[in-house]
């Protein structure tokens, strides 16, 4: 497996993996995958990664979204990590999140946060293994398919940036 920069060439596979995540009902409040233009506009220009196998097949992706347009939060970003159905449980998410943390720090990000559905225990464990700590549970933060859902808010402070 190798990790590289996510480009427009990866978009069809990235979109498919995002759609697979949406289908679980425990990955995002989104109900359909966006267009490349919408996805691109919603994520930071840096720290966009894909994991690929030896044949170049995309196994997963990771990227950062800004948490606010205010300059004071310029070093704070929200994490997204998605792994293809067929690649889950093989360490893809672990490698992607580790690489994403390193990329974020190279780009001046001092705080990473993640909002994860409490039912997605594997994702919570993955983030905790990379130094994220649970800040709390945001109750009834949004509706998905007409049902109120909670999220667990996690945060990772860089020991390199802003220390």
Protein backbone atom coordinates (compact mmCIF):
# COMPACT_ATOMS: atom_id res chain seq x y z
CA UNK A 1 0.00 0.00 0.00
CA UNK A 2 1.21 3.49 -0.73
CA UNK A 3 -0.05 6.92 0.31
CA UNK A 4 -0.02 9.81 -2.15
CA UNK A 5 -1.72 13.11 -2.88
CA UNK A 6 -5.39 12.89 -3.86
CA UNK A 7 -5.94 14.40 -7.33
CA UNK A 8 -8.87 14.82 -9.69
CA UNK A 9 -7.79 11.56 -11.35
CA UNK A 10 -8.68 9.73 -8.12
CA UNK A 11 -12.11 11.35 -7.86
CA UNK A 12 -14.24 8.53 -9.36
CA UNK A 13 -12.81 6.02 -6.85
CA UNK A 14 -12.91 8.53 -3.98
CA UNK A 15 -16.55 9.30 -4.76
CA UNK A 16 -17.41 5.59 -4.81
CA UNK A 17 -15.73 5.05 -1.42
CA UNK A 18 -17.58 8.08 -0.04
CA UNK A 19 -20.84 6.60 -1.34
CA UNK A 20 -20.02 3.31 0.41
CA UNK A 21 -19.47 5.22 3.65
CA UNK A 22 -22.78 7.05 3.24
CA UNK A 23 -24.52 3.69 2.73
CA UNK A 24 -23.41 2.49 6.18
CA UNK A 25 -25.54 5.17 7.83
CA UNK A 26 -22.77 5.71 10.40
CA UNK A 27 -20.14 7.71 8.53
CA UNK A 28 -21.65 11.11 7.72
CA UNK A 29 -24.80 13.21 7.75
CA UNK A 30 -24.50 13.50 3.95
CA UNK A 31 -26.97 11.43 1.98
CA UNK A 32 -25.28 11.54 -1.41
CA UNK A 33 -21.77 12.05 -2.71
CA UNK A 34 -21.05 15.56 -3.95
CA UNK A 35 -19.64 16.62 -7.30
CA UNK A 36 -15.88 17.07 -7.53
CA UNK A 37 -16.39 20.84 -7.53
CA UNK A 38 -18.42 20.79 -4.31
CA UNK A 39 -16.04 18.35 -2.60
CA UNK A 40 -13.01 20.38 -3.69
CA UNK A 41 -14.54 23.64 -2.41
CA UNK A 42 -15.36 22.07 0.96
CA UNK A 43 -11.88 20.73 1.72
CA UNK A 44 -8.53 22.38 2.34
CA UNK A 45 -6.26 22.45 -0.72
CA UNK A 46 -3.53 20.62 1.20
CA UNK A 47 -3.57 17.36 3.16
CA UNK A 48 -5.66 15.35 0.68
CA UNK A 49 -4.47 11.76 0.52
CA UNK A 50 -5.29 8.42 -1.06
CA UNK A 51 -4.09 4.94 -0.18
CA UNK A 52 -3.55 2.72 -3.22
CA UNK A 53 -2.57 -0.88 -3.74
CA UNK A 54 0.24 -2.08 -6.04
CA UNK A 55 -2.12 -1.95 -9.04
CA UNK A 56 -3.08 1.66 -8.32
CA UNK A 57 -6.56 0.88 -7.00
CA UNK A 58 -7.75 3.41 -4.42
CA UNK A 59 -8.31 1.70 -1.06
CA UNK A 60 -9.24 4.79 0.92
CA UNK A 61 -8.89 8.53 1.22
CA UNK A 62 -8.41 11.20 3.86
CA UNK A 63 -8.77 14.97 3.77
CA UNK A 64 -9.26 18.04 5.93
CA UNK A 65 -12.09 20.56 6.01
CA UNK A 66 -11.89 24.00 7.58
CA UNK A 67 -13.93 24.38 10.78
CA UNK A 68 -14.43 28.12 10.31
CA UNK A 69 -13.72 30.92 7.89
CA UNK A 70 -12.40 33.10 10.72
CA UNK A 71 -8.63 33.55 10.56
CA UNK A 72 -8.19 32.70 14.25
CA UNK A 73 -9.23 29.11 13.40
CA UNK A 74 -6.88 28.82 10.43
CA UNK A 75 -4.91 26.07 12.17
CA UNK A 76 -7.95 23.99 13.08
CA UNK A 77 -9.36 21.40 10.69
CA UNK A 78 -11.88 18.57 10.65
CA UNK A 79 -10.72 15.11 9.63
CA UNK A 80 -12.39 12.81 7.10
CA UNK A 81 -11.11 9.25 6.63
CA UNK A 82 -12.94 6.76 4.40
CA UNK A 83 -11.93 3.21 3.51
CA UNK A 84 -13.37 1.10 0.69
CA UNK A 85 -15.70 -1.69 1.82
CA UNK A 86 -13.33 -4.37 0.50
CA UNK A 87 -10.29 -2.82 2.26
CA UNK A 88 -11.71 -2.37 5.76
CA UNK A 89 -9.84 -4.02 8.63
CA UNK A 90 -6.54 -4.08 6.71
CA UNK A 91 -4.83 -1.05 8.27
CA UNK A 92 -5.73 1.38 5.49
CA UNK A 93 -7.40 3.85 7.85
CA UNK A 94 -4.48 3.64 10.28
CA UNK A 95 -1.96 4.50 7.58
CA UNK A 96 -4.12 7.23 6.08
CA UNK A 97 -4.78 8.94 9.41
CA UNK A 98 -1.10 8.81 10.39
CA UNK A 99 -0.09 10.35 7.07
CA UNK A 100 -2.87 12.94 7.31
CA UNK A 101 -1.64 14.04 10.74
CA UNK A 102 1.90 14.45 9.39
CA UNK A 103 0.64 16.43 6.37
CA UNK A 104 -1.54 18.63 8.54
CA UNK A 105 1.43 19.56 10.70
CA UNK A 106 3.58 20.34 7.64
CA UNK A 107 0.82 22.79 6.70
CA UNK A 108 0.54 24.56 10.05
CA UNK A 109 -2.50 22.80 11.48
CA UNK A 110 -2.35 22.74 15.29
CA UNK A 111 -5.70 21.14 16.09
CA UNK A 112 -7.53 18.32 14.35
CA UNK A 113 -11.07 17.45 15.28
CA UNK A 114 -13.45 14.69 14.31
CA UNK A 115 -17.18 14.28 14.84
CA UNK A 116 -18.01 10.58 14.75
CA UNK A 117 -21.31 8.77 15.24
CA UNK A 118 -21.03 6.82 18.54
CA UNK A 119 -22.08 3.66 16.70
CA UNK A 120 -18.89 3.88 14.61
CA UNK A 121 -16.68 2.38 17.32
CA UNK A 122 -13.95 1.36 14.85
CA UNK A 123 -13.47 4.98 13.77
CA UNK A 124 -13.41 6.22 17.37
CA UNK A 125 -10.77 3.60 18.26
CA UNK A 126 -8.74 4.54 15.17
CA UNK A 127 -8.69 8.20 16.15
CA UNK A 128 -7.87 7.44 19.78
CA UNK A 129 -4.95 5.27 18.63
CA UNK A 130 -3.58 8.36 16.86
CA UNK A 131 -3.72 10.61 19.90
CA UNK A 132 -7.24 12.01 19.60
CA UNK A 133 -9.09 12.41 22.89
CA UNK A 134 -12.82 12.36 23.39
CA UNK A 135 -14.07 15.81 24.38
CA UNK A 136 -17.68 14.79 24.74
CA UNK A 137 -20.88 13.73 23.09
CA UNK A 138 -22.90 16.21 21.08
CA UNK A 139 -26.47 15.07 21.62
CA UNK A 140 -29.07 15.38 18.89
CA UNK A 141 -26.66 17.49 16.83
CA UNK A 142 -28.38 16.74 13.53
CA UNK A 143 -30.93 14.61 11.75
CA UNK A 144 -30.15 11.81 9.35
CA UNK A 145 -33.11 10.30 7.52
CA UNK A 146 -35.41 12.11 9.92
CA UNK A 147 -33.74 10.66 13.03
CA UNK A 148 -31.80 12.78 15.53
CA UNK A 149 -28.21 11.57 15.81
CA UNK A 150 -25.45 12.19 18.33
CA UNK A 151 -21.77 12.58 17.52
CA UNK A 152 -18.69 12.03 19.64
CA UNK A 153 -16.35 15.02 19.39
CA UNK A 154 -12.65 14.14 19.36
CA UNK A 155 -9.63 16.42 19.23
CA UNK A 156 -5.90 16.06 18.64
CA UNK A 157 -3.52 18.87 19.51
CA UNK A 158 -0.21 18.91 17.67
CA UNK A 159 2.96 18.60 19.71
CA UNK A 160 4.80 20.19 16.78
CA UNK A 161 2.65 23.12 15.62
CA UNK A 162 1.59 25.73 18.14
CA UNK A 163 3.41 24.02 21.00
